[in-house]
Amino acid sequence: MLSERTNDLFAMGKLSRDLRASPGREAAAAAVVVDLQPGDALSLAAGDILPAFAKGLPLKVLLRDLSVGSTNLDSQSAMFNKGSLDQLQIIPSAQTDTQVAAIFKFARAAKRARKGKIAVAFFDASASETQLSEAIDFAANKLLPIVFVRFTTDHAQHERSESPSNIKKSAPAALVNGSPAIIVDAGDAVALYRVSFEAIARARQDRGPTVVECQFHTFNPASLAMGSIYRVSGLPGLDPVSNMENYLKSKGLWKEEVKQTIVAGFERELDLATGFLFT
């Protein structure tokens, strides 16, 4: 709903950018971020700010940021005001090395403070593989409290296996440069939560980083239409929201009237949050 509304507002010229990088990543935004505490840091993948919303960034603040931001990905931090950046604690950047440096700065300070703060860092498939591999290696050696989350596809992984990369992920659970690495279906919020819960607990216990690879197995028609890098062969898969709905139905926990109440309530929130764009 949020992505659809921002897409419409962008088409109307009310926003400087939309959430075109976010569809299909809803499960990760919710499941990975839900247990973060106010003092934890969040590093965003280029163009995807859903995790910031999941961490508690108010809708109106998010939309105000979208309404005034730069469309240049190299200036991604320009889309956030000071209050938003204070909540994230890590300034977004499309440059992998710049983003990694900011993550390390926070993680080293958190480790010294010994207060259990951690950093969750999202990366998409466009992030430099060499720099990311070196970052994971460094974080493992220093036992830094970081959870690395990367979005990939089956096709992207196949291409990487033929490239001179230091990252090797051939099993569902393995080691990447000495850190636990788990491949999870990007559309499975329940699996992502289970993995993220353990990864976050490990980081808080000063046991070092974990790598969570959110893997897309089938193409998302909406993403395909928008020119997303996530293009793979196969039949269309269910989006993460539909997946969660079906999971709740299978457990006998689904009530259609509850869904309608939630949808109506969120529509009202969106109307209130976007009102300033029409005044």
Protein backbone atom coordinates (compact mmCIF):
# COMPACT_ATOMS: atom_id res chain seq x y z
CA MET A 1 0.00 0.00 0.00
CA LEU A 2 2.79 2.40 0.87
CA SER A 3 4.69 1.64 -2.34
CA GLU A 4 1.54 2.04 -4.43
CA ARG A 5 0.72 5.38 -2.82
CA THR A 6 4.24 6.75 -3.28
CA ASN A 7 4.28 5.53 -6.89
CA ASP A 8 1.05 7.46 -7.55
CA LEU A 9 2.37 10.60 -5.82
CA PHE A 10 5.62 10.39 -7.76
CA ALA A 11 3.67 10.13 -11.03
CA MET A 12 1.71 13.23 -9.97
CA GLY A 13 4.93 15.14 -9.39
CA LYS A 14 4.36 15.40 -5.63
CA LEU A 15 7.46 13.38 -4.67
CA SER A 16 11.01 13.60 -5.94
CA ARG A 17 11.29 9.79 -5.88
CA ASP A 18 9.17 6.74 -5.19
CA LEU A 19 9.86 3.39 -3.51
CA ARG A 20 10.64 1.49 -6.71
CA ALA A 21 13.42 -0.48 -4.99
CA SER A 22 11.17 -1.66 -2.17
CA PRO A 23 8.53 -4.03 -3.69
CA GLY A 24 9.40 -7.63 -2.83
CA ARG A 25 11.51 -6.60 0.15
CA GLU A 26 8.67 -6.10 2.62
CA ALA A 27 9.41 -9.33 4.49
CA ALA A 28 13.02 -8.36 5.15
CA ALA A 29 12.09 -4.79 6.12
CA ALA A 30 9.69 -6.09 8.77
CA ALA A 31 11.30 -9.30 9.96
CA VAL A 32 14.89 -8.10 10.23
CA VAL A 33 14.15 -4.70 11.75
CA VAL A 34 11.29 -5.47 14.15
CA ASP A 35 13.56 -6.37 17.10
CA LEU A 36 15.95 -3.45 16.72
CA GLN A 37 16.19 -1.04 19.64
CA PRO A 38 16.24 2.78 19.43
CA GLY A 39 20.03 2.91 19.87
CA ASP A 40 20.75 0.39 17.12
CA ALA A 41 21.93 1.61 13.73
CA LEU A 42 20.33 0.93 10.37
CA SER A 43 22.20 1.12 7.06
CA LEU A 44 19.91 1.22 4.02
CA ALA A 45 20.39 -0.30 0.57
CA ALA A 46 20.30 2.27 -2.23
CA GLY A 47 16.78 3.47 -2.95
CA ASP A 48 15.05 1.30 -0.34
CA ILE A 49 13.79 3.06 2.78
CA LEU A 50 11.15 0.54 3.92
CA PRO A 51 13.45 -0.66 6.75
CA ALA A 52 13.52 2.91 8.08
CA PHE A 53 9.72 2.89 8.21
CA ALA A 54 9.80 -0.50 9.97
CA LYS A 55 12.24 0.92 12.53
CA GLY A 56 9.75 3.61 13.43
CA LEU A 57 10.28 6.51 11.03
CA PRO A 58 6.83 8.20 10.98
CA LEU A 59 4.95 8.14 7.69
CA LYS A 60 4.72 11.92 7.48
CA VAL A 61 8.45 12.30 8.12
CA LEU A 62 9.24 9.64 5.52
CA LEU A 63 7.05 11.32 2.93
CA ARG A 64 8.44 14.78 3.70
CA ASP A 65 11.90 13.34 3.13
CA LEU A 66 10.79 11.84 -0.17
CA SER A 67 9.23 15.12 -1.22
CA VAL A 68 12.43 17.16 -0.95
CA GLY A 69 15.19 14.64 -1.65
CA SER A 70 17.70 14.48 -4.44
CA THR A 71 17.09 11.92 -7.19
CA ASN A 72 20.83 11.30 -7.44
CA LEU A 73 21.61 8.00 -5.73
CA ASP A 74 25.09 9.28 -4.93
CA SER A 75 23.35 11.90 -2.79
CA GLN A 76 20.92 9.49 -1.15
CA SER A 77 21.52 11.07 2.27
CA ALA A 78 20.02 14.31 0.92
CA MET A 79 16.56 12.74 1.03
CA PHE A 80 16.69 12.46 4.83
CA ASN A 81 16.36 15.32 7.28
CA LYS A 82 18.42 15.50 10.48
CA GLY A 83 15.76 13.83 12.63
CA SER A 84 15.58 10.87 10.25
CA LEU A 85 19.36 10.53 10.14
CA ASP A 86 19.52 10.62 13.93
CA GLN A 87 17.13 7.67 14.02
CA LEU A 88 19.08 5.71 11.42
CA GLN A 89 22.47 6.70 12.92
CA ILE A 90 24.21 5.81 9.64
CA ILE A 91 24.01 8.23 6.71
CA PRO A 92 22.91 6.37 3.55
CA SER A 93 25.23 6.26 0.55
CA ALA A 94 25.14 4.49 -2.81
CA GLN A 95 28.91 3.96 -2.58
CA THR A 96 29.70 0.63 -0.91
CA ASP A 97 33.02 1.77 0.55
CA THR A 98 31.47 4.92 2.04
CA GLN A 99 28.59 2.95 3.52
CA VAL A 100 30.88 0.26 4.94
CA ALA A 101 33.12 2.89 6.55
CA ALA A 102 30.10 4.42 8.31
CA ILE A 103 28.92 0.99 9.48
CA PHE A 104 32.35 0.16 10.91
CA LYS A 105 32.56 3.51 12.69
CA PHE A 106 29.30 2.84 14.50
CA ALA A 107 30.05 -0.85 15.19
CA ARG A 108 33.51 -0.16 16.66
CA ALA A 109 32.07 2.52 18.96
CA ALA A 110 29.23 0.19 19.97
CA LYS A 111 31.66 -2.60 20.76
CA ARG A 112 33.79 -0.30 22.93
CA ALA A 113 30.72 0.99 24.79
CA ARG A 114 29.58 -2.58 25.61
CA LYS A 115 25.90 -1.60 25.74
CA GLY A 116 24.64 -4.24 23.32
CA LYS A 117 24.02 -1.90 20.40
CA ILE A 118 24.28 -3.36 16.92
CA ALA A 119 24.19 -2.31 13.26
CA VAL A 120 21.99 -3.92 10.60
CA ALA A 121 23.32 -3.23 7.10
CA PHE A 122 21.24 -3.82 3.95
CA PHE A 123 22.91 -4.24 0.55
CA ASP A 124 21.45 -5.06 -2.85
CA ALA A 125 23.06 -6.97 -5.70
CA SER A 126 24.65 -3.82 -7.08
CA ALA A 127 26.95 -3.47 -4.06
CA SER A 128 30.61 -4.12 -4.76
CA GLU A 129 31.20 -7.79 -4.06
CA THR A 130 34.90 -7.35 -3.37
CA GLN A 131 34.32 -4.52 -0.91
CA LEU A 132 31.50 -6.42 0.79
CA SER A 133 33.65 -9.54 1.10
CA GLU A 134 36.46 -7.50 2.66
CA ALA A 135 33.96 -5.85 5.00
CA ILE A 136 32.62 -9.20 6.22
CA ASP A 137 36.18 -10.47 6.71
CA PHE A 138 37.16 -7.39 8.73
CA ALA A 139 33.98 -7.54 10.84
CA ALA A 140 34.58 -11.22 11.58
CA ASN A 141 38.19 -10.62 12.61
CA LYS A 142 37.15 -7.79 14.95
CA LEU A 143 33.95 -9.53 16.15
CA LEU A 144 31.96 -6.43 15.28
CA PRO A 145 28.21 -6.39 16.13
CA ILE A 146 26.87 -6.27 12.57
CA VAL A 147 24.15 -8.16 10.71
CA PHE A 148 24.80 -8.01 6.95
CA VAL A 149 21.63 -8.42 4.86
CA ARG A 150 21.98 -8.80 1.10
CA PHE A 151 19.33 -9.19 -1.61
CA THR A 152 20.20 -11.57 -4.45
CA THR A 153 18.53 -13.88 -6.98
CA ASP A 154 19.23 -17.41 -8.15
CA HIS A 155 20.43 -15.90 -11.43
CA ALA A 156 22.65 -13.37 -9.65
CA GLN A 157 24.19 -16.10 -7.56
CA HIS A 158 24.92 -18.18 -10.65
CA GLU A 159 26.69 -15.24 -12.22
CA ARG A 160 28.70 -14.63 -9.06
CA SER A 161 29.85 -18.26 -8.97
CA GLU A 162 31.64 -17.65 -12.25
CA SER A 163 33.28 -14.43 -11.10
CA PRO A 164 36.52 -14.04 -9.10
CA SER A 165 34.65 -13.36 -5.84
CA ASN A 166 35.82 -14.19 -2.36
CA ILE A 167 32.25 -14.76 -1.21
CA LYS A 168 31.16 -18.39 -1.47
CA LYS A 169 27.60 -19.38 -0.58
CA SER A 170 26.89 -22.86 -1.91
CA ALA A 171 24.90 -24.15 1.08
CA PRO A 172 21.84 -22.86 2.96
CA ALA A 173 23.98 -22.40 6.06
CA ALA A 174 27.72 -21.95 5.71
CA LEU A 175 30.56 -19.61 6.56
CA VAL A 176 31.41 -16.44 4.67
CA ASN A 177 34.91 -15.32 5.60
CA GLY A 178 34.47 -16.89 9.02
CA SER A 179 30.97 -15.52 9.67
CA PRO A 180 27.76 -17.60 9.71
CA ALA A 181 25.90 -17.14 6.42
CA ILE A 182 22.30 -18.18 5.85
CA ILE A 183 20.36 -18.07 2.58
CA VAL A 184 16.67 -17.32 3.16
CA ASP A 185 13.70 -16.92 0.82
CA ALA A 186 13.22 -13.14 0.48
CA GLY A 187 9.45 -13.62 0.51
CA ASP A 188 9.31 -15.69 3.70
CA ALA A 189 8.87 -13.33 6.65
CA VAL A 190 8.70 -16.14 9.20
CA ALA A 191 11.98 -17.72 8.10
CA LEU A 192 13.63 -14.32 7.89
CA TYR A 193 12.51 -13.47 11.42
CA ARG A 194 13.89 -16.71 12.83
CA VAL A 195 17.25 -16.21 11.18
CA SER A 196 17.42 -12.52 12.04
CA PHE A 197 16.48 -13.14 15.68
CA GLU A 198 19.49 -15.44 16.07
CA ALA A 199 21.78 -13.11 14.13
CA ILE A 200 20.80 -10.10 16.23
CA ALA A 201 21.21 -12.05 19.47
CA ARG A 202 24.65 -13.20 18.34
CA ALA A 203 25.70 -9.62 17.58
CA ARG A 204 24.44 -8.36 20.95
CA GLN A 205 26.42 -11.10 22.69
CA ASP A 206 29.62 -9.76 21.12
CA ARG A 207 30.08 -12.92 19.03
CA GLY A 208 30.56 -11.14 15.73
CA PRO A 209 28.66 -10.63 12.46
CA THR A 210 26.19 -12.81 10.56
CA VAL A 211 25.40 -12.70 6.84
CA VAL A 212 21.73 -13.08 5.85
CA GLU A 213 21.19 -13.51 2.12
CA CYS A 214 17.63 -12.74 1.05
CA GLN A 215 17.21 -14.65 -2.18
CA PHE A 216 14.58 -14.05 -4.86
CA HIS A 217 13.60 -17.24 -6.69
CA THR A 218 11.01 -15.97 -9.16
CA PHE A 219 10.50 -12.68 -10.93
CA ASN A 220 8.22 -10.00 -9.55
CA PRO A 221 6.11 -8.59 -12.41
CA ALA A 222 5.96 -5.15 -10.77
CA SER A 223 9.72 -5.06 -10.36
CA LEU A 224 10.21 -6.29 -13.91
CA ALA A 225 8.01 -3.51 -15.25
CA MET A 226 10.02 -0.94 -13.33
CA GLY A 227 13.33 -2.18 -14.71
CA SER A 228 14.48 -3.82 -11.50
CA ILE A 229 17.76 -5.72 -11.46
CA TYR A 230 15.83 -8.66 -10.02
CA ARG A 231 14.96 -10.48 -13.25
CA VAL A 232 15.03 -14.26 -13.21
CA SER A 233 13.26 -17.00 -15.12
CA GLY A 234 10.36 -18.94 -13.68
CA LEU A 235 6.72 -18.53 -12.79
CA PRO A 236 5.56 -15.45 -10.91
CA GLY A 237 5.85 -15.97 -7.18
CA LEU A 238 3.65 -14.61 -4.44
CA ASP A 239 4.71 -11.34 -2.93
CA PRO A 240 5.82 -11.35 0.74
CA VAL A 241 2.52 -9.89 1.97
CA SER A 242 0.50 -12.64 0.22
CA ASN A 243 2.94 -15.22 1.55
CA MET A 244 2.35 -14.03 5.10
CA GLU A 245 -1.40 -13.98 4.58
CA ASN A 246 -1.33 -17.59 3.37
CA TYR A 247 0.89 -18.61 6.30
CA LEU A 248 -1.58 -17.13 8.80
CA LYS A 249 -4.47 -18.87 7.02
CA SER A 250 -2.65 -22.21 7.24
CA LYS A 251 -2.27 -21.72 11.00
CA GLY A 252 -5.92 -20.78 11.46
CA LEU A 253 -4.92 -17.27 12.54
CA TRP A 254 -6.42 -15.33 9.65
CA LYS A 255 -9.55 -13.20 9.88
CA GLU A 256 -10.65 -11.26 6.82
CA GLU A 257 -12.43 -8.65 8.92
CA VAL A 258 -9.20 -7.94 10.81
CA LYS A 259 -7.39 -7.43 7.50
CA GLN A 260 -10.05 -4.99 6.31
CA THR A 261 -9.79 -3.05 9.57
CA ILE A 262 -6.00 -2.84 9.25
CA VAL A 263 -6.18 -1.82 5.59
CA ALA A 264 -8.77 0.88 6.30
CA GLY A 265 -6.74 2.19 9.24
CA PHE A 266 -3.55 2.37 7.21
CA GLU A 267 -5.36 4.10 4.35
CA ARG A 268 -6.44 6.79 6.83
CA GLU A 269 -2.86 7.11 8.09
CA LEU A 270 -1.64 7.53 4.52
CA ASP A 271 -4.27 10.18 3.84
CA LEU A 272 -3.23 12.11 6.93
CA ALA A 273 0.48 11.70 6.21
CA THR A 274 0.15 12.91 2.61
CA GLY A 275 -2.18 15.83 3.27
CA PHE A 276 0.66 18.35 3.37
CA LEU A 277 1.49 17.55 -0.26
CA PHE A 278 -1.81 19.09 -1.40
CA THR A 279 -1.79 22.29 0.65
